[in-house]
Amino acid sequence: MTNVSPPARPRAGRPTRAQAEARHEELLDTALDLFLEHGYQLATIEMIASRVSMTKRTVYARYPDKAALFLAAVRRAIERQVVPREVLENVDDGDLAETLEAVARLRIGQVMTPNGLRLQRVINTESYRFPEIFVTHNELSTAPVFDFVSGLLDRAAAEGTIAPIDSGQAARAFMSMVVGGQVRAIVAGRPPTPEQIDERVGFTVRLLLDGLRPR
């Protein structure tokens, strides 16, 4: 009889790749919470490691210093806020006002999530120390929405719905007027109700488009 050795088993206690990745994500989420709660200066690697039941050595095996951990935590939060192009295209129903309102509600809704609110507050408090987080947020999360809105305005201008304009500047004005004010209220702890969002977004989009209509 031929002896067949049993298949090798993973060593007891060794996490799977999925488990390891889940722990890594927990580390980054917890780090961002503590950086926000205590500020970058006062939050420590030891504090973060303790909160997720890791050793400092485990954390340092991934990140050489606190700054590297902070930047990784912020980048993960930014990446979770990125709106895929297909999602933006799905809200385009051909009506400029309705599509702009849908884009605005989408962006405002993102900031009202725990991840979105935490990210905005961290950017507001720490971008002077780490200007690259503002740049990364703009490149990954904000610029694609600007480009999409700019494209909507270019299409509307070609159709004669609005006057020919600098669509890039108009897209930035849209984000500032329609989204920025609501975001500032949310970050300040005064979130508008869904009814208030609809009213304010609708009013500001109408105001913007009235200013852009052909004369």
Protein backbone atom coordinates (compact mmCIF):
# COMPACT_ATOMS: atom_id res chain seq x y z
CA MET A 1 0.00 0.00 0.00
CA THR A 2 1.26 3.46 -0.91
CA ASN A 3 1.32 5.95 1.91
CA VAL A 4 -0.19 9.28 0.92
CA SER A 5 0.81 12.22 3.01
CA PRO A 6 -2.05 14.51 4.05
CA PRO A 7 -2.07 17.96 2.43
CA ALA A 8 -0.09 20.60 4.23
CA ARG A 9 -2.16 22.86 6.41
CA PRO A 10 -1.47 26.51 7.10
CA ARG A 11 0.23 27.11 10.38
CA ALA A 12 -2.18 27.65 13.24
CA GLY A 13 -2.82 31.26 13.95
CA ARG A 14 -1.53 32.50 10.62
CA PRO A 15 -4.13 34.86 9.08
CA THR A 16 -5.34 34.42 5.53
CA ARG A 17 -4.62 37.14 2.98
CA ALA A 18 -8.19 38.41 3.33
CA GLN A 19 -7.88 38.51 7.12
CA ALA A 20 -4.56 40.34 6.90
CA GLU A 21 -6.02 42.91 4.52
CA ALA A 22 -9.04 43.40 6.79
CA ARG A 23 -6.69 44.04 9.72
CA HIS A 24 -4.71 46.50 7.63
CA GLU A 25 -7.88 48.39 6.72
CA GLU A 26 -8.87 48.41 10.39
CA LEU A 27 -5.48 49.90 11.22
CA LEU A 28 -5.89 52.69 8.67
CA ASP A 29 -9.47 53.48 9.70
CA THR A 30 -8.53 53.55 13.37
CA ALA A 31 -5.45 55.67 12.69
CA LEU A 32 -7.57 58.26 10.88
CA ASP A 33 -10.06 58.31 13.77
CA LEU A 34 -7.30 58.94 16.29
CA PHE A 35 -5.53 61.52 14.16
CA LEU A 36 -8.83 63.37 13.97
CA GLU A 37 -9.65 62.88 17.65
CA HIS A 38 -6.26 63.93 19.04
CA GLY A 39 -4.63 65.79 16.16
CA TYR A 40 -1.55 64.65 14.29
CA GLN A 41 0.89 65.91 16.91
CA LEU A 42 -0.69 64.13 19.88
CA ALA A 43 -1.73 60.87 18.24
CA THR A 44 1.01 58.25 18.56
CA ILE A 45 1.85 54.95 16.90
CA GLU A 46 1.59 53.31 20.33
CA MET A 47 -1.90 54.72 20.84
CA ILE A 48 -3.05 53.53 17.40
CA ALA A 49 -1.48 50.08 17.77
CA SER A 50 -3.09 49.61 21.16
CA ARG A 51 -6.53 50.55 19.83
CA VAL A 52 -6.37 47.78 17.20
CA SER A 53 -4.55 45.28 19.47
CA MET A 54 -1.36 45.31 17.43
CA THR A 55 2.21 45.74 18.50
CA LYS A 56 4.17 48.81 17.48
CA ARG A 57 6.57 46.49 15.71
CA THR A 58 3.74 45.22 13.49
CA VAL A 59 2.77 48.76 12.55
CA TYR A 60 6.36 49.80 11.88
CA ALA A 61 6.80 46.75 9.66
CA ARG A 62 4.37 48.45 7.26
CA TYR A 63 5.02 52.13 7.92
CA PRO A 64 8.42 53.56 8.83
CA ASP A 65 6.98 56.50 10.77
CA LYS A 66 3.82 58.27 11.86
CA ALA A 67 3.74 60.51 8.79
CA ALA A 68 3.70 57.52 6.45
CA LEU A 69 0.83 55.94 8.39
CA PHE A 70 -1.10 59.22 8.37
CA LEU A 71 -0.71 59.69 4.62
CA ALA A 72 -1.75 56.10 3.94
CA ALA A 73 -4.82 56.45 6.15
CA VAL A 74 -5.88 59.67 4.43
CA ARG A 75 -5.28 58.24 0.95
CA ARG A 76 -7.47 55.24 1.77
CA ALA A 77 -10.25 57.59 2.89
CA ILE A 78 -9.87 59.61 -0.32
CA GLU A 79 -9.97 56.52 -2.52
CA ARG A 80 -13.21 55.46 -0.85
CA GLN A 81 -14.74 58.81 -1.87
CA VAL A 82 -13.90 58.51 -5.56
CA VAL A 83 -17.06 58.42 -7.70
CA PRO A 84 -16.58 56.04 -10.64
CA ARG A 85 -17.19 57.61 -14.04
CA GLU A 86 -20.02 55.18 -14.76
CA VAL A 87 -21.86 56.34 -11.63
CA LEU A 88 -21.67 59.95 -12.81
CA GLU A 89 -22.82 58.96 -16.29
CA ASN A 90 -25.79 57.10 -14.83
CA VAL A 91 -27.18 60.30 -13.27
CA ASP A 92 -27.08 62.08 -16.63
CA ASP A 93 -30.67 61.96 -17.87
CA GLY A 94 -30.14 64.55 -20.59
CA ASP A 95 -31.68 67.39 -18.60
CA LEU A 96 -28.89 69.75 -17.50
CA ALA A 97 -30.57 71.10 -14.38
CA GLU A 98 -31.68 67.68 -13.14
CA THR A 99 -28.26 66.17 -13.82
CA LEU A 100 -26.42 68.97 -12.02
CA GLU A 101 -28.77 68.60 -9.04
CA ALA A 102 -28.12 64.84 -8.98
CA VAL A 103 -24.34 65.38 -9.05
CA ALA A 104 -24.61 67.90 -6.22
CA ARG A 105 -26.72 65.58 -4.06
CA LEU A 106 -24.25 62.76 -4.74
CA ARG A 107 -21.28 64.82 -3.56
CA ILE A 108 -23.10 66.23 -0.55
CA GLY A 109 -24.29 62.77 0.40
CA GLN A 110 -20.71 61.50 0.32
CA VAL A 111 -19.59 64.09 2.84
CA MET A 112 -22.44 63.10 5.16
CA THR A 113 -21.10 59.53 5.45
CA PRO A 114 -18.79 58.72 8.38
CA ASN A 115 -15.82 58.31 6.03
CA GLY A 116 -16.61 61.51 4.14
CA LEU A 117 -17.07 63.63 7.24
CA ARG A 118 -13.92 62.29 8.85
CA LEU A 119 -11.94 62.92 5.67
CA GLN A 120 -13.13 66.51 5.29
CA ARG A 121 -12.29 67.32 8.89
CA VAL A 122 -8.83 65.81 8.61
CA ILE A 123 -8.12 67.72 5.39
CA ASN A 124 -9.35 70.95 7.01
CA THR A 125 -7.15 70.52 10.08
CA GLU A 126 -3.99 68.92 8.65
CA SER A 127 -3.58 70.08 5.04
CA TYR A 128 -1.37 72.97 6.18
CA ARG A 129 1.04 70.36 7.58
CA PHE A 130 0.59 67.90 4.71
CA PRO A 131 -0.41 69.89 1.61
CA GLU A 132 -0.12 66.73 -0.45
CA ILE A 133 -3.37 65.39 1.02
CA PHE A 134 -5.24 68.36 -0.44
CA VAL A 135 -3.59 67.75 -3.81
CA THR A 136 -4.37 64.04 -3.70
CA HIS A 137 -7.99 64.69 -2.75
CA ASN A 138 -8.34 67.10 -5.63
CA GLU A 139 -6.71 64.79 -8.17
CA LEU A 140 -8.49 61.58 -7.20
CA SER A 141 -11.87 62.73 -5.93
CA THR A 142 -12.69 66.29 -6.99
CA ALA A 143 -11.13 66.70 -10.44
CA PRO A 144 -13.10 63.84 -12.06
CA VAL A 145 -16.36 65.50 -10.95
CA PHE A 146 -15.14 68.87 -12.27
CA ASP A 147 -14.35 67.23 -15.60
CA PHE A 148 -17.76 65.56 -15.77
CA VAL A 149 -19.61 68.79 -14.99
CA SER A 150 -17.42 70.67 -17.48
CA GLY A 151 -18.42 68.15 -20.12
CA LEU A 152 -22.11 68.64 -19.32
CA LEU A 153 -21.71 72.39 -19.72
CA ASP A 154 -19.79 72.03 -22.99
CA ARG A 155 -22.60 69.86 -24.35
CA ALA A 156 -25.23 72.35 -23.22
CA ALA A 157 -23.33 75.23 -24.84
CA ALA A 158 -23.04 73.27 -28.10
CA GLU A 159 -26.81 72.67 -27.99
CA GLY A 160 -27.47 76.34 -27.34
CA THR A 161 -29.02 75.70 -23.92
CA ILE A 162 -26.46 77.97 -22.27
CA ALA A 163 -24.14 80.65 -23.62
CA PRO A 164 -20.58 79.68 -24.64
CA ILE A 165 -18.43 79.81 -21.50
CA ASP A 166 -15.20 78.67 -19.92
CA SER A 167 -16.68 75.37 -18.78
CA GLY A 168 -13.82 74.66 -16.36
CA GLN A 169 -14.41 77.86 -14.43
CA ALA A 170 -18.16 77.31 -14.53
CA ALA A 171 -17.72 73.78 -13.15
CA ARG A 172 -15.64 75.13 -10.27
CA ALA A 173 -18.28 77.78 -9.60
CA PHE A 174 -20.93 75.06 -9.57
CA MET A 175 -19.02 73.01 -7.01
CA SER A 176 -18.37 76.06 -4.84
CA MET A 177 -21.90 77.45 -4.99
CA VAL A 178 -23.96 74.27 -4.94
CA VAL A 179 -21.81 71.85 -2.96
CA GLY A 180 -19.32 73.92 -0.95
CA GLY A 181 -21.81 75.72 1.27
CA GLN A 182 -23.58 72.53 2.28
CA VAL A 183 -20.27 70.78 2.94
CA ARG A 184 -19.12 73.58 5.24
CA ALA A 185 -22.35 73.31 7.23
CA ILE A 186 -22.00 69.53 7.51
CA VAL A 187 -18.37 69.70 8.67
CA ALA A 188 -19.35 72.38 11.21
CA GLY A 189 -21.90 69.98 12.73
CA ARG A 190 -25.00 71.61 11.21
CA PRO A 191 -26.06 69.08 8.57
CA PRO A 192 -29.05 70.14 6.48
CA THR A 193 -32.11 67.91 6.26
CA PRO A 194 -32.83 66.10 2.98
CA GLU A 195 -35.58 68.65 2.31
CA GLN A 196 -33.17 71.54 2.89
CA ILE A 197 -30.60 69.96 0.59
CA ASP A 198 -33.17 69.58 -2.20
CA GLU A 199 -34.35 73.17 -1.76
CA ARG A 200 -30.87 74.71 -1.62
CA VAL A 201 -29.45 72.62 -4.44
CA GLY A 202 -32.43 73.32 -6.68
CA PHE A 203 -32.33 77.06 -5.98
CA THR A 204 -28.59 77.38 -6.58
CA VAL A 205 -28.62 75.30 -9.78
CA ARG A 206 -31.45 77.48 -11.15
CA LEU A 207 -29.52 80.59 -10.16
CA LEU A 208 -26.37 79.31 -11.88
CA LEU A 209 -28.15 78.30 -15.07
CA ASP A 210 -30.07 81.56 -15.22
CA GLY A 211 -26.73 83.35 -15.24
CA LEU A 212 -25.51 81.09 -18.05
CA ARG A 213 -28.56 81.21 -20.31
CA PRO A 214 -28.12 82.87 -23.74
CA ARG A 215 -28.94 86.57 -23.80
